N, C-alpha and C. Protein backbone atom coordinates (compact mmCIF):
# COMPACT_ATOMS: atom_id res chain seq x y z
N MET A 1 -19.30 -64.64 26.15
CA MET A 1 -19.56 -63.55 25.23
C MET A 1 -18.57 -63.58 24.09
N LYS A 2 -19.11 -63.18 23.01
CA LYS A 2 -18.30 -63.19 21.81
C LYS A 2 -17.49 -61.89 21.73
N ARG A 3 -16.23 -62.04 21.56
CA ARG A 3 -15.37 -60.87 21.43
C ARG A 3 -15.36 -60.38 20.00
N MET A 4 -15.30 -59.02 19.89
CA MET A 4 -15.20 -58.47 18.53
C MET A 4 -13.74 -58.53 18.12
N MET A 5 -13.52 -59.07 16.98
CA MET A 5 -12.16 -59.17 16.50
C MET A 5 -11.88 -58.03 15.53
N ARG A 6 -10.70 -57.53 15.64
CA ARG A 6 -10.29 -56.45 14.73
C ARG A 6 -10.10 -57.02 13.34
N ASN A 7 -10.45 -56.20 12.38
CA ASN A 7 -10.26 -56.58 11.00
C ASN A 7 -8.76 -56.61 10.71
N PRO A 8 -8.24 -57.69 10.22
CA PRO A 8 -6.81 -57.75 9.96
C PRO A 8 -6.36 -56.79 8.84
N GLU A 9 -7.29 -56.33 8.05
CA GLU A 9 -6.97 -55.39 6.97
C GLU A 9 -6.63 -54.01 7.52
N GLY A 10 -7.10 -53.64 8.68
CA GLY A 10 -6.86 -52.32 9.26
C GLY A 10 -7.77 -51.28 8.64
N GLY A 11 -7.38 -50.00 8.76
CA GLY A 11 -8.17 -48.92 8.19
C GLY A 11 -8.76 -48.03 9.27
N PHE A 12 -9.51 -47.04 8.82
CA PHE A 12 -10.11 -46.07 9.73
C PHE A 12 -11.62 -46.20 9.68
N SER A 13 -12.22 -45.90 10.80
CA SER A 13 -13.69 -45.92 10.84
C SER A 13 -14.22 -44.61 10.28
N LEU A 14 -15.48 -44.59 9.98
CA LEU A 14 -16.12 -43.39 9.46
C LEU A 14 -16.06 -42.25 10.47
N VAL A 15 -16.21 -42.54 11.73
CA VAL A 15 -16.15 -41.51 12.78
C VAL A 15 -14.76 -40.88 12.83
N GLU A 16 -13.72 -41.68 12.72
CA GLU A 16 -12.35 -41.15 12.72
C GLU A 16 -12.11 -40.25 11.52
N LEU A 17 -12.58 -40.66 10.36
CA LEU A 17 -12.42 -39.83 9.16
C LEU A 17 -13.19 -38.52 9.29
N LEU A 18 -14.39 -38.57 9.83
CA LEU A 18 -15.17 -37.34 10.03
C LEU A 18 -14.48 -36.41 11.01
N ALA A 19 -13.87 -36.95 12.05
CA ALA A 19 -13.15 -36.12 13.02
C ALA A 19 -11.97 -35.41 12.35
N VAL A 20 -11.24 -36.11 11.51
CA VAL A 20 -10.10 -35.50 10.81
C VAL A 20 -10.58 -34.41 9.86
N VAL A 21 -11.65 -34.68 9.12
CA VAL A 21 -12.20 -33.68 8.19
C VAL A 21 -12.67 -32.45 8.96
N LEU A 22 -13.30 -32.63 10.11
CA LEU A 22 -13.77 -31.52 10.92
C LEU A 22 -12.59 -30.68 11.43
N ILE A 23 -11.54 -31.32 11.88
CA ILE A 23 -10.36 -30.59 12.36
C ILE A 23 -9.73 -29.80 11.21
N LEU A 24 -9.61 -30.39 10.04
CA LEU A 24 -9.05 -29.68 8.88
C LEU A 24 -9.92 -28.50 8.48
N ALA A 25 -11.22 -28.64 8.56
CA ALA A 25 -12.13 -27.54 8.22
C ALA A 25 -11.97 -26.38 9.20
N VAL A 26 -11.82 -26.68 10.48
CA VAL A 26 -11.63 -25.62 11.48
C VAL A 26 -10.30 -24.91 11.24
N LEU A 27 -9.25 -25.66 10.97
CA LEU A 27 -7.95 -25.04 10.69
C LEU A 27 -8.01 -24.16 9.45
N ALA A 28 -8.68 -24.61 8.41
CA ALA A 28 -8.82 -23.81 7.19
C ALA A 28 -9.63 -22.55 7.46
N ALA A 29 -10.67 -22.66 8.27
CA ALA A 29 -11.51 -21.49 8.58
C ALA A 29 -10.72 -20.44 9.34
N VAL A 30 -9.72 -20.84 10.09
CA VAL A 30 -8.88 -19.89 10.83
C VAL A 30 -7.75 -19.37 9.94
N ALA A 31 -7.11 -20.23 9.17
CA ALA A 31 -5.91 -19.87 8.43
C ALA A 31 -6.19 -19.00 7.20
N VAL A 32 -7.25 -19.26 6.47
CA VAL A 32 -7.51 -18.52 5.23
C VAL A 32 -7.73 -17.03 5.49
N PRO A 33 -8.59 -16.63 6.43
CA PRO A 33 -8.73 -15.19 6.68
C PRO A 33 -7.43 -14.53 7.16
N LEU A 34 -6.64 -15.24 7.95
CA LEU A 34 -5.36 -14.68 8.40
C LEU A 34 -4.43 -14.46 7.21
N TYR A 35 -4.40 -15.40 6.30
CA TYR A 35 -3.56 -15.28 5.11
C TYR A 35 -4.00 -14.10 4.25
N ILE A 36 -5.29 -13.96 4.03
CA ILE A 36 -5.82 -12.86 3.22
C ILE A 36 -5.51 -11.52 3.88
N ASN A 37 -5.71 -11.43 5.19
CA ASN A 37 -5.44 -10.19 5.90
C ASN A 37 -3.95 -9.84 5.87
N THR A 38 -3.09 -10.85 5.97
CA THR A 38 -1.64 -10.61 5.91
C THR A 38 -1.23 -10.08 4.55
N ARG A 39 -1.78 -10.64 3.48
CA ARG A 39 -1.47 -10.13 2.13
C ARG A 39 -1.93 -8.69 1.97
N ARG A 40 -3.14 -8.38 2.45
CA ARG A 40 -3.69 -7.04 2.32
C ARG A 40 -2.85 -6.02 3.11
N SER A 41 -2.47 -6.36 4.32
CA SER A 41 -1.68 -5.41 5.10
C SER A 41 -0.27 -5.27 4.55
N ALA A 42 0.28 -6.32 3.94
CA ALA A 42 1.59 -6.20 3.29
C ALA A 42 1.50 -5.27 2.09
N ALA A 43 0.42 -5.38 1.32
CA ALA A 43 0.23 -4.47 0.18
C ALA A 43 0.05 -3.03 0.67
N ALA A 44 -0.65 -2.83 1.78
CA ALA A 44 -0.83 -1.48 2.32
C ALA A 44 0.50 -0.91 2.78
N ARG A 45 1.35 -1.73 3.41
CA ARG A 45 2.67 -1.24 3.82
C ARG A 45 3.53 -0.91 2.60
N ALA A 46 3.46 -1.73 1.56
CA ALA A 46 4.22 -1.46 0.34
C ALA A 46 3.72 -0.18 -0.32
N CYS A 47 2.40 0.03 -0.31
CA CYS A 47 1.82 1.25 -0.86
C CYS A 47 2.31 2.47 -0.08
N LYS A 48 2.33 2.36 1.23
CA LYS A 48 2.81 3.46 2.07
C LYS A 48 4.28 3.76 1.76
N GLY A 49 5.08 2.72 1.53
CA GLY A 49 6.47 2.91 1.16
C GLY A 49 6.62 3.58 -0.19
N ASN A 50 5.78 3.18 -1.16
CA ASN A 50 5.79 3.82 -2.48
C ASN A 50 5.49 5.31 -2.36
N LEU A 51 4.46 5.63 -1.56
CA LEU A 51 4.09 7.03 -1.40
C LEU A 51 5.20 7.82 -0.72
N ALA A 52 5.88 7.21 0.23
CA ALA A 52 7.00 7.89 0.88
C ALA A 52 8.13 8.13 -0.12
N ALA A 53 8.37 7.18 -1.04
CA ALA A 53 9.40 7.35 -2.06
C ALA A 53 9.03 8.48 -3.02
N ILE A 54 7.77 8.54 -3.41
CA ILE A 54 7.32 9.61 -4.29
C ILE A 54 7.44 10.95 -3.58
N ALA A 55 7.06 11.00 -2.30
CA ALA A 55 7.17 12.24 -1.53
C ALA A 55 8.62 12.68 -1.40
N ALA A 56 9.53 11.72 -1.19
CA ALA A 56 10.95 12.06 -1.10
C ALA A 56 11.46 12.62 -2.43
N ALA A 57 11.01 12.03 -3.54
CA ALA A 57 11.41 12.53 -4.85
C ALA A 57 10.85 13.93 -5.08
N ALA A 58 9.59 14.16 -4.67
CA ALA A 58 9.00 15.50 -4.83
C ALA A 58 9.73 16.51 -3.96
N SER A 59 10.13 16.10 -2.75
CA SER A 59 10.89 17.01 -1.88
C SER A 59 12.26 17.32 -2.47
N ALA A 60 12.92 16.30 -3.04
CA ALA A 60 14.22 16.53 -3.68
C ALA A 60 14.06 17.46 -4.88
N PHE A 61 12.99 17.28 -5.64
CA PHE A 61 12.70 18.16 -6.77
C PHE A 61 12.52 19.59 -6.28
N ALA A 62 11.77 19.75 -5.17
CA ALA A 62 11.53 21.09 -4.63
C ALA A 62 12.82 21.74 -4.14
N LEU A 63 13.70 20.95 -3.56
CA LEU A 63 14.98 21.51 -3.11
C LEU A 63 15.84 21.95 -4.29
N ARG A 64 15.80 21.19 -5.39
CA ARG A 64 16.60 21.55 -6.57
C ARG A 64 16.01 22.72 -7.34
N ASN A 65 14.67 22.79 -7.41
CA ASN A 65 14.02 23.75 -8.30
C ASN A 65 13.27 24.87 -7.60
N GLY A 66 13.20 24.85 -6.28
CA GLY A 66 12.54 25.93 -5.56
C GLY A 66 11.02 25.81 -5.48
N GLU A 67 10.45 24.81 -6.08
CA GLU A 67 9.00 24.58 -5.98
C GLU A 67 8.73 23.11 -6.24
N TYR A 68 7.53 22.68 -5.82
CA TYR A 68 7.15 21.29 -6.04
C TYR A 68 6.81 21.08 -7.50
N PRO A 69 6.99 19.85 -8.00
CA PRO A 69 6.55 19.58 -9.36
C PRO A 69 5.03 19.63 -9.42
N THR A 70 4.50 20.03 -10.56
CA THR A 70 3.04 20.02 -10.71
C THR A 70 2.59 18.59 -10.96
N ALA A 71 1.31 18.34 -10.76
CA ALA A 71 0.78 17.00 -10.98
C ALA A 71 1.04 16.54 -12.42
N ALA A 72 0.87 17.45 -13.37
CA ALA A 72 1.10 17.10 -14.77
C ALA A 72 2.57 16.74 -15.01
N ASN A 73 3.49 17.47 -14.35
CA ASN A 73 4.91 17.17 -14.51
C ASN A 73 5.27 15.80 -13.94
N VAL A 74 4.64 15.44 -12.83
CA VAL A 74 4.94 14.14 -12.24
C VAL A 74 4.53 13.04 -13.20
N LEU A 75 3.33 13.16 -13.73
CA LEU A 75 2.84 12.11 -14.62
C LEU A 75 3.61 12.07 -15.93
N SER A 76 3.97 13.23 -16.47
CA SER A 76 4.73 13.23 -17.72
C SER A 76 6.18 12.84 -17.48
N ALA A 77 6.68 13.08 -16.26
CA ALA A 77 8.07 12.74 -15.97
C ALA A 77 8.27 11.24 -15.82
N TYR A 78 7.22 10.55 -15.44
CA TYR A 78 7.37 9.11 -15.23
C TYR A 78 7.37 8.38 -16.55
N ASN A 79 8.43 7.66 -16.79
CA ASN A 79 8.58 6.86 -18.00
C ASN A 79 9.26 5.56 -17.57
N PRO A 80 8.55 4.43 -17.59
CA PRO A 80 9.15 3.19 -17.10
C PRO A 80 10.43 2.80 -17.81
N THR A 81 10.58 3.19 -19.07
CA THR A 81 11.80 2.83 -19.80
C THR A 81 12.93 3.80 -19.53
N ASN A 82 12.62 4.99 -19.01
CA ASN A 82 13.64 5.98 -18.69
C ASN A 82 13.29 6.62 -17.35
N PRO A 83 13.64 5.98 -16.23
CA PRO A 83 13.21 6.49 -14.93
C PRO A 83 13.84 7.81 -14.52
N THR A 84 14.74 8.39 -15.32
CA THR A 84 15.30 9.69 -14.97
C THR A 84 14.66 10.81 -15.78
N ALA A 85 13.64 10.52 -16.57
CA ALA A 85 13.02 11.54 -17.42
C ALA A 85 12.33 12.61 -16.58
N GLY A 86 12.41 13.83 -17.00
CA GLY A 86 11.68 14.92 -16.36
C GLY A 86 12.31 15.47 -15.10
N GLY A 87 13.40 14.90 -14.62
CA GLY A 87 14.07 15.44 -13.45
C GLY A 87 13.44 15.05 -12.13
N LEU A 88 12.24 14.49 -12.12
CA LEU A 88 11.62 14.11 -10.85
C LEU A 88 12.19 12.79 -10.35
N VAL A 89 12.32 11.85 -11.24
CA VAL A 89 12.75 10.52 -10.85
C VAL A 89 14.22 10.37 -11.21
N GLY A 90 15.05 10.25 -10.21
CA GLY A 90 16.47 10.09 -10.47
C GLY A 90 17.02 8.95 -9.65
N ALA A 91 18.27 8.63 -9.86
CA ALA A 91 18.87 7.51 -9.14
C ALA A 91 18.75 7.67 -7.63
N PRO A 92 19.00 8.86 -7.04
CA PRO A 92 18.87 8.95 -5.59
C PRO A 92 17.43 8.78 -5.12
N GLU A 93 16.48 9.23 -5.93
CA GLU A 93 15.09 9.15 -5.50
C GLU A 93 14.48 7.78 -5.77
N GLY A 94 14.92 7.10 -6.81
CA GLY A 94 14.51 5.74 -7.11
C GLY A 94 13.03 5.47 -7.19
N LEU A 95 12.35 6.03 -8.17
CA LEU A 95 10.91 5.84 -8.29
C LEU A 95 10.50 4.94 -9.43
N SER A 96 11.39 4.17 -9.98
CA SER A 96 11.07 3.47 -11.23
C SER A 96 9.84 2.58 -11.15
N SER A 97 9.52 2.00 -9.98
CA SER A 97 8.36 1.12 -9.92
C SER A 97 7.37 1.53 -8.85
N ALA A 98 7.44 2.75 -8.36
CA ALA A 98 6.61 3.16 -7.23
C ALA A 98 5.39 3.97 -7.62
N MET A 99 4.99 3.94 -8.88
CA MET A 99 3.91 4.82 -9.33
C MET A 99 2.54 4.17 -9.31
N ALA A 100 2.41 2.96 -8.77
CA ALA A 100 1.10 2.29 -8.73
C ALA A 100 0.95 1.55 -7.40
N CYS A 101 -0.28 1.47 -6.94
CA CYS A 101 -0.58 0.77 -5.69
C CYS A 101 -0.36 -0.73 -5.89
N PRO A 102 0.40 -1.38 -5.02
CA PRO A 102 0.65 -2.81 -5.19
C PRO A 102 -0.58 -3.68 -4.96
N LEU A 103 -1.63 -3.12 -4.39
CA LEU A 103 -2.84 -3.90 -4.15
C LEU A 103 -3.45 -4.38 -5.46
N ASP A 104 -3.54 -3.48 -6.45
CA ASP A 104 -4.13 -3.87 -7.74
C ASP A 104 -3.53 -3.11 -8.92
N ASN A 105 -2.36 -2.50 -8.72
CA ASN A 105 -1.66 -1.72 -9.74
C ASN A 105 -2.44 -0.52 -10.24
N ALA A 106 -3.34 0.02 -9.42
CA ALA A 106 -4.05 1.25 -9.78
C ALA A 106 -3.10 2.43 -9.59
N ALA A 107 -3.17 3.39 -10.50
CA ALA A 107 -2.26 4.54 -10.46
C ALA A 107 -2.61 5.48 -9.32
N TYR A 108 -1.59 6.10 -8.74
CA TYR A 108 -1.79 7.10 -7.70
C TYR A 108 -2.34 8.38 -8.32
N THR A 109 -3.00 9.19 -7.51
CA THR A 109 -3.55 10.46 -7.95
C THR A 109 -2.64 11.58 -7.47
N PHE A 110 -2.31 12.51 -8.36
CA PHE A 110 -1.46 13.64 -8.02
C PHE A 110 -2.25 14.92 -8.20
N THR A 111 -2.29 15.77 -7.18
CA THR A 111 -2.94 17.08 -7.28
C THR A 111 -2.02 18.13 -6.67
N GLY A 112 -2.21 19.35 -7.09
CA GLY A 112 -1.41 20.45 -6.54
C GLY A 112 -0.06 20.53 -7.20
N GLY A 113 0.91 21.01 -6.45
CA GLY A 113 2.25 21.17 -6.96
C GLY A 113 2.56 22.62 -7.22
N GLY A 114 3.72 22.89 -7.76
CA GLY A 114 4.15 24.26 -7.97
C GLY A 114 4.51 24.90 -6.63
N THR A 115 3.89 26.03 -6.32
CA THR A 115 4.20 26.70 -5.05
C THR A 115 3.49 26.07 -3.87
N SER A 116 2.43 25.29 -4.11
CA SER A 116 1.79 24.55 -3.02
C SER A 116 2.29 23.11 -3.06
N ALA A 117 2.10 22.41 -1.98
CA ALA A 117 2.60 21.03 -1.90
C ALA A 117 1.88 20.13 -2.89
N LEU A 118 2.59 19.13 -3.33
CA LEU A 118 2.02 18.11 -4.21
C LEU A 118 1.33 17.08 -3.32
N VAL A 119 0.05 16.82 -3.57
CA VAL A 119 -0.70 15.84 -2.78
C VAL A 119 -0.76 14.55 -3.59
N ILE A 120 -0.26 13.47 -3.00
CA ILE A 120 -0.19 12.18 -3.66
C ILE A 120 -1.13 11.24 -2.91
N THR A 121 -2.11 10.68 -3.60
CA THR A 121 -3.13 9.87 -2.93
C THR A 121 -3.23 8.50 -3.58
N CYS A 122 -3.33 7.49 -2.75
CA CYS A 122 -3.58 6.13 -3.23
C CYS A 122 -5.04 6.05 -3.66
N PRO A 123 -5.37 5.33 -4.74
CA PRO A 123 -6.77 5.23 -5.17
C PRO A 123 -7.66 4.55 -4.13
N HIS A 124 -7.06 3.87 -3.17
CA HIS A 124 -7.84 3.18 -2.14
C HIS A 124 -7.90 3.97 -0.85
N ALA A 125 -7.45 5.21 -0.84
CA ALA A 125 -7.41 6.00 0.40
C ALA A 125 -8.79 6.33 0.91
N SER A 126 -9.81 6.28 0.08
CA SER A 126 -11.16 6.64 0.52
C SER A 126 -11.93 5.46 1.07
N THR A 127 -11.29 4.29 1.19
CA THR A 127 -12.00 3.16 1.78
C THR A 127 -12.26 3.44 3.24
N ALA A 128 -13.03 2.62 3.87
CA ALA A 128 -13.53 2.87 5.23
C ALA A 128 -12.48 3.50 6.14
N ALA A 129 -12.89 4.54 6.84
CA ALA A 129 -11.99 5.26 7.74
C ALA A 129 -11.40 4.29 8.74
N GLY A 130 -10.10 4.38 8.92
CA GLY A 130 -9.43 3.48 9.83
C GLY A 130 -9.08 2.14 9.21
N GLY A 131 -9.46 1.93 7.95
CA GLY A 131 -9.14 0.68 7.28
C GLY A 131 -7.68 0.63 6.88
N ASP A 132 -7.29 -0.44 6.21
CA ASP A 132 -5.90 -0.63 5.84
C ASP A 132 -5.35 0.50 4.98
N ASN A 133 -6.18 1.06 4.11
CA ASN A 133 -5.69 2.06 3.17
C ASN A 133 -6.12 3.48 3.50
N ALA A 134 -6.72 3.70 4.65
CA ALA A 134 -7.21 5.04 4.97
C ALA A 134 -6.08 6.03 5.20
N HIS A 135 -4.85 5.56 5.44
CA HIS A 135 -3.73 6.43 5.76
C HIS A 135 -2.94 6.84 4.53
N GLU A 136 -3.30 6.42 3.36
CA GLU A 136 -2.40 6.53 2.23
C GLU A 136 -2.59 7.79 1.40
N THR A 137 -2.38 8.91 2.03
CA THR A 137 -2.28 10.19 1.34
C THR A 137 -1.01 10.85 1.84
N VAL A 138 -0.20 11.34 0.92
CA VAL A 138 1.08 11.93 1.29
C VAL A 138 1.12 13.38 0.84
N VAL A 139 1.54 14.26 1.72
CA VAL A 139 1.72 15.66 1.39
C VAL A 139 3.13 16.05 1.82
N PRO A 140 4.06 16.23 0.88
CA PRO A 140 5.39 16.69 1.29
C PRO A 140 5.27 18.08 1.91
N SER A 141 5.96 18.30 3.01
CA SER A 141 5.87 19.60 3.67
C SER A 141 6.89 20.56 3.08
N PRO A 142 6.71 21.85 3.29
CA PRO A 142 7.66 22.83 2.74
C PRO A 142 9.07 22.68 3.28
N THR A 143 9.26 21.96 4.38
CA THR A 143 10.60 21.78 4.92
C THR A 143 11.34 20.62 4.28
N GLY A 144 10.69 19.93 3.36
CA GLY A 144 11.35 18.83 2.67
C GLY A 144 11.07 17.47 3.29
N THR A 145 10.28 17.43 4.35
CA THR A 145 9.92 16.14 4.93
C THR A 145 8.52 15.79 4.47
N GLU A 146 8.12 14.57 4.69
CA GLU A 146 6.79 14.17 4.25
C GLU A 146 6.01 13.60 5.42
N ALA A 147 4.71 13.72 5.36
CA ALA A 147 3.84 13.16 6.39
C ALA A 147 2.90 12.18 5.73
N ILE A 148 2.73 11.03 6.32
CA ILE A 148 1.82 10.03 5.80
C ILE A 148 0.82 9.73 6.90
N SER A 149 -0.32 10.37 6.85
CA SER A 149 -1.31 10.17 7.89
C SER A 149 -2.63 10.76 7.46
N ALA A 150 -3.71 10.10 7.80
CA ALA A 150 -5.03 10.64 7.52
C ALA A 150 -5.34 11.80 8.45
N HIS A 151 -4.62 11.89 9.57
CA HIS A 151 -4.91 12.93 10.56
C HIS A 151 -3.95 14.11 10.45
N TRP A 152 -3.01 14.06 9.51
CA TRP A 152 -2.05 15.14 9.36
C TRP A 152 -2.68 16.30 8.64
N ARG A 153 -2.45 17.50 9.11
CA ARG A 153 -2.94 18.70 8.44
C ARG A 153 -1.72 19.50 7.98
N PRO A 154 -1.74 20.01 6.76
CA PRO A 154 -0.59 20.75 6.27
C PRO A 154 -0.40 22.05 7.04
N PRO A 155 0.83 22.58 7.10
CA PRO A 155 1.06 23.85 7.77
C PRO A 155 0.27 24.98 7.11
N GLN A 156 0.07 26.06 7.82
CA GLN A 156 -0.73 27.18 7.32
C GLN A 156 -0.13 27.82 6.08
N ARG A 157 1.17 27.73 5.88
CA ARG A 157 1.79 28.42 4.75
C ARG A 157 1.59 27.71 3.42
N THR A 158 0.97 26.54 3.40
CA THR A 158 0.69 25.88 2.13
C THR A 158 -0.79 26.03 1.79
N THR A 159 -1.11 25.76 0.54
CA THR A 159 -2.50 25.87 0.12
C THR A 159 -3.09 24.51 -0.23
N CYS A 160 -2.43 23.44 0.17
CA CYS A 160 -2.96 22.12 -0.17
C CYS A 160 -4.10 21.76 0.77
N PRO A 161 -5.03 20.92 0.30
CA PRO A 161 -6.18 20.57 1.13
C PRO A 161 -5.79 19.65 2.27
N SER A 162 -6.62 19.63 3.28
CA SER A 162 -6.41 18.74 4.42
C SER A 162 -6.61 17.30 3.97
N THR A 163 -5.83 16.40 4.53
CA THR A 163 -5.97 14.99 4.18
C THR A 163 -6.86 14.26 5.17
N ALA A 164 -7.41 14.96 6.14
CA ALA A 164 -8.26 14.28 7.14
C ALA A 164 -9.67 14.13 6.61
């Protein structure tokens, strides 16, 4: 019988190349969604941190002035070139870059203020319940602490709407 001799040039067969391409395709199919999900959840965590910083600044404002800033005051107080403008954003509160959602730089929504709590909402908070951004509404409480939860309800002594 005639023996098959290996080609002295070497190389890979078509079957070997197809196997490698198939393995790479499977790895890409697993890795790409994980990467996208990791970026999205990192942006959601950063957004939650921004909202907590804004809530802390609003609570500090309330402690200094006896009432929460109004939504109009928050927006007019924010000046990227002068982060201490309006008394809301100061060095201890540090809000110079926390006024937009890191997911797409959409501005946060501010409602209420004055004698009722200031409600700060991420523009993506209305996405599917239980989704990455469903938790991103902040209501500073009258005691100076803040709650970040879709299931949190404000105390009876405030007039802000429920975030649930």
